[in-house]
Structures are given as structure tokens and as C-alpha cells.
C-alpha atoms as a PDB file:
ATOM      1  CA  LYS A   1       0.000   0.000   0.000  1.00  0.00           C
ATOM      2  CA  GLU A   2       1.413   3.382  -0.934  1.00  0.00           C
ATOM      3  CA  PHE A   3       0.871   6.515   1.110  1.00  0.00           C
ATOM      4  CA  LYS A   4       1.771  10.058   0.168  1.00  0.00           C
ATOM      5  CA  ILE A   5       3.279  12.142   2.954  1.00  0.00           C
ATOM      6  CA  GLN A   6       4.808  15.561   2.309  1.00  0.00           C
ATOM      7  CA  ASN A   7       5.238  15.015  -1.438  1.00  0.00           C
ATOM      8  CA  SER A   8       7.110  11.728  -1.056  1.00  0.00           C
ATOM      9  CA  LYS A   9       5.963   8.199  -1.741  1.00  0.00           C
ATOM     10  CA  PHE A  10       7.051   5.209   0.251  1.00  0.00           C
ATOM     11  CA  LYS A  11       5.742   1.762   0.878  1.00  0.00           C
ATOM     12  CA  ILE A  12       4.526   0.875   4.356  1.00  0.00           C
ATOM     13  CA  LYS A  13       5.449  -2.605   5.484  1.00  0.00           C
ATOM     14  CA  LYS A  14       3.304  -4.331   8.125  1.00  0.00           C
ATOM     15  CA  ILE A  15       5.055  -6.753  10.462  1.00  0.00           C
ATOM     16  CA  ARG A  16       3.189  -8.953  12.925  1.00  0.00           C
ATOM     17  CA  VAL A  17       5.176  -9.478  16.106  1.00  0.00           C
ATOM     18  CA  ILE A  18       4.526 -12.155  18.738  1.00  0.00           C
ATOM     19  CA  TYR A  19       5.991 -11.310  22.138  1.00  0.00           C
ATOM     20  CA  THR A  20       5.977 -12.675  25.668  1.00  0.00           C
ATOM     21  CA  LYS A  21       5.433 -11.040  29.031  1.00  0.00           C
ATOM     22  CA  ALA A  22       7.440 -13.086  31.518  1.00  0.00           C
ATOM     23  CA  GLU A  23       7.461 -13.334  35.305  1.00  0.00           C
ATOM     24  CA  GLU A  24       9.693 -10.248  35.707  1.00  0.00           C
ATOM     25  CA  LEU A  25       6.940  -8.056  34.216  1.00  0.00           C
ATOM     26  CA  ARG A  26       4.036  -9.758  35.972  1.00  0.00           C
ATOM     27  CA  TRP A  27       3.037  -6.564  37.821  1.00  0.00           C
ATOM     28  CA  PHE A  28       3.286  -4.289  34.769  1.00  0.00           C
ATOM     29  CA  SER A  29      -0.070  -2.938  33.645  1.00  0.00           C
ATOM     30  CA  HIS A  30      -1.072  -2.866  29.977  1.00  0.00           C
ATOM     31  CA  LEU A  31      -0.113   0.815  29.700  1.00  0.00           C
ATOM     32  CA  ASP A  32       3.295   0.043  31.221  1.00  0.00           C
ATOM     33  CA  ILE A  33       3.814  -2.672  28.584  1.00  0.00           C
ATOM     34  CA  VAL A  34       2.779  -0.251  25.826  1.00  0.00           C
ATOM     35  CA  ARG A  35       5.288   2.331  27.080  1.00  0.00           C
ATOM     36  CA  ALA A  36       8.010  -0.321  27.405  1.00  0.00           C
ATOM     37  CA  ILE A  37       7.441  -1.466  23.812  1.00  0.00           C
ATOM     38  CA  TYR A  38       7.542   2.118  22.492  1.00  0.00           C
ATOM     39  CA  ARG A  39      10.748   2.853  24.429  1.00  0.00           C
ATOM     40  CA  THR A  40      12.358  -0.380  23.291  1.00  0.00           C
ATOM     41  CA  LEU A  41      11.563   0.372  19.638  1.00  0.00           C
ATOM     42  CA  ARG A  42      13.172   3.787  20.076  1.00  0.00           C
ATOM     43  CA  ARG A  43      16.205   2.441  21.994  1.00  0.00           C
ATOM     44  CA  ALA A  44      16.813  -0.287  19.415  1.00  0.00           C
ATOM     45  CA  ASN A  45      16.749   2.390  16.694  1.00  0.00           C
ATOM     46  CA  LEU A  46      14.261   0.354  14.676  1.00  0.00           C
ATOM     47  CA  PRO A  47      12.616   2.001  11.659  1.00  0.00           C
ATOM     48  CA  ILE A  48       9.023   2.855  12.535  1.00  0.00           C
ATOM     49  CA  VAL A  49       6.175   4.937  11.147  1.00  0.00           C
ATOM     50  CA  TYR A  50       4.893   7.695  13.431  1.00  0.00           C
ATOM     51  CA  THR A  51       1.527   9.411  13.449  1.00  0.00           C
ATOM     52  CA  SER A  52       1.414  12.969  12.186  1.00  0.00           C
ATOM     53  CA  GLY A  53       0.462  15.842  14.399  1.00  0.00           C
ATOM     54  CA  PHE A  54       1.739  17.732  17.393  1.00  0.00           C
ATOM     55  CA  HIS A  55       2.497  14.609  19.499  1.00  0.00           C
ATOM     56  CA  PRO A  56       3.607  11.878  17.089  1.00  0.00           C
ATOM     57  CA  ARG A  57       3.328   8.320  18.419  1.00  0.00           C
ATOM     58  CA  PRO A  58       4.573   5.072  16.915  1.00  0.00           C
ATOM     59  CA  LYS A  59       2.027   3.339  14.703  1.00  0.00           C
ATOM     60  CA  VAL A  60       1.743   0.091  16.637  1.00  0.00           C
ATOM     61  CA  SER A  61      -1.533  -1.823  17.006  1.00  0.00           C
ATOM     62  CA  PHE A  62      -2.042  -4.300  19.808  1.00  0.00           C
ATOM     63  CA  MET A  63      -3.836  -7.286  18.292  1.00  0.00           C
ATOM     64  CA  SER A  64      -4.563  -9.177  21.499  1.00  0.00           C
ATOM     65  CA  PRO A  65      -6.630  -8.023  24.475  1.00  0.00           C
ATOM     66  CA  ALA A  66      -4.862  -6.522  27.474  1.00  0.00           C
ATOM     67  CA  LEU A  67      -3.574  -9.003  30.036  1.00  0.00           C
ATOM     68  CA  ALA A  68      -4.863  -8.694  33.572  1.00  0.00           C
ATOM     69  CA  LEU A  69      -2.458  -7.359  36.180  1.00  0.00           C
ATOM     70  CA  GLY A  70      -0.413 -10.207  37.651  1.00  0.00           C
ATOM     71  CA  LYS A  71      -0.718 -12.452  34.569  1.00  0.00           C
ATOM     72  CA  THR A  72       2.104 -13.631  32.318  1.00  0.00           C
ATOM     73  CA  SER A  73       1.968 -14.896  28.750  1.00  0.00           C
ATOM     74  CA  ASN A  74       3.922 -17.242  26.536  1.00  0.00           C
ATOM     75  CA  ASP A  75       3.781 -16.617  22.781  1.00  0.00           C
ATOM     76  CA  CYS A  76       0.229 -15.281  22.713  1.00  0.00           C
ATOM     77  CA  GLU A  77       0.603 -11.490  22.718  1.00  0.00           C
ATOM     78  CA  ALA A  78       0.661  -9.835  19.301  1.00  0.00           C
ATOM     79  CA  ILE A  79       1.276  -6.374  17.876  1.00  0.00           C
ATOM     80  CA  LEU A  80       1.146  -5.003  14.347  1.00  0.00           C
ATOM     81  CA  TYR A  81       4.219  -2.868  13.691  1.00  0.00           C
ATOM     82  CA  LEU A  82       4.431  -0.468  10.719  1.00  0.00           C
ATOM     83  CA  THR A  83       7.751   0.380   9.112  1.00  0.00           C
ATOM     84  CA  GLU A  84       8.787   2.201   5.953  1.00  0.00           C
ATOM     85  CA  GLU A  85      12.277   0.729   5.659  1.00  0.00           C
ATOM     86  CA  GLU A  86      13.442  -2.761   4.870  1.00  0.00           C
ATOM     87  CA  ILE A  87      14.511  -4.771   7.899  1.00  0.00           C
ATOM     88  CA  SER A  88      14.810  -8.518   8.191  1.00  0.00           C
ATOM     89  CA  GLU A  89      12.746 -10.340  10.772  1.00  0.00           C
ATOM     90  CA  GLU A  90      15.897 -11.770  12.393  1.00  0.00           C
ATOM     91  CA  GLU A  91      17.484  -8.333  12.746  1.00  0.00           C
ATOM     92  CA  LEU A  92      14.278  -6.873  14.199  1.00  0.00           C
ATOM     93  CA  ILE A  93      14.067  -9.667  16.789  1.00  0.00           C
ATOM     94  CA  GLN A  94      17.738  -9.375  17.725  1.00  0.00           C
ATOM     95  CA  ARG A  95      17.777  -5.577  18.043  1.00  0.00           C
ATOM     96  CA  PHE A  96      14.509  -5.481  20.008  1.00  0.00           C
ATOM     97  CA  ASN A  97      15.494  -8.260  22.409  1.00  0.00           C
ATOM     98  CA  ASN A  98      18.900  -6.690  23.064  1.00  0.00           C
ATOM     99  CA  SER A  99      17.242  -3.395  24.043  1.00  0.00           C
ATOM    100  CA  ALA A 100      14.148  -4.733  25.825  1.00  0.00           C
ATOM    101  CA  PRO A 101      13.691  -4.861  29.598  1.00  0.00           C
ATOM    102  CA  LYS A 102      14.107  -8.264  31.218  1.00  0.00           C
ATOM    103  CA  GLY A 103      10.929 -10.281  30.722  1.00  0.00           C
ATOM    104  CA  LEU A 104       9.826  -8.704  27.421  1.00  0.00           C
ATOM    105  CA  LYS A 105      10.981 -10.724  24.412  1.00  0.00           C
ATOM    106  CA  ILE A 106       9.918 -11.083  20.789  1.00  0.00           C
ATOM    107  CA  LYS A 107       9.476 -14.702  19.787  1.00  0.00           C
ATOM    108  CA  LEU A 108       8.346 -14.257  16.166  1.00  0.00           C
ATOM    109  CA  ALA A 109       8.212 -11.477  13.589  1.00  0.00           C
ATOM    110  CA  THR A 110       6.636 -12.062  10.214  1.00  0.00           C
ATOM    111  CA  GLU A 111       5.506  -9.951   7.273  1.00  0.00           C
ATOM    112  CA  ASN A 112       2.988 -12.591   6.246  1.00  0.00           C
ATOM    113  CA  LEU A 113      -0.240 -11.621   8.011  1.00  0.00           C
ATOM    114  CA  CYS A 114      -2.259 -14.712   7.143  1.00  0.00           C
END
């Protein structure tokens, strides 16, 4: 899908990411997890699409419902991550996991959404 932003054309790539919330993050609320994911994307210097406007935010959609406080998950939390640059799934996983707080890890990243 092509979008036009400020007289330039680029192709947005959608990547589905499966992550885990381990025991170390058991007492993190959903909003804490959202903030941790945003910070980790920024720390890892991963290419990401931001919203336009006065307070741009990363375009990340959480595809699974929020976990209750005190719950952990294994391979069942998903986000949809938008990027405009080419990055391999392996590099994305490695860079994210190296920058993520203990207990937050990406298990799978795939461009194929089906």
C-alpha cells in the first residue's frame, strides 16, 4: 500500500510481532507494557512509522486483548508494527530483544499476516 506524505511516496510494510510477558513483568499494567514497547523500539533504533500531528506516536496496534495485572503470557501477545524501511525479521528480533527490559521478548516477527 502506498501513502503520500509531504510530497514523497514510500511503501509501508506491516510486520506482525509475537511477544511474551514473563514473570519479571508480571506486575506491569497494559499501559506500562505499551510504554516499554515504544521505548524499546526507540532504543533499538528500529525504523518505525509515526503518526502525524503535534504529538507523534509510533504506529503500533495491539492485536490481542490486554492481560490482567499479575498475569504472564507465553507466545500469545501480538502487535502489528508499521515500518517504511526494509529490515529482516531476524534483525528486528535481535535488536529489540537486546534493548528490551528483562521479561519482554519477541518470539516471532513475520511480514505474512495470514
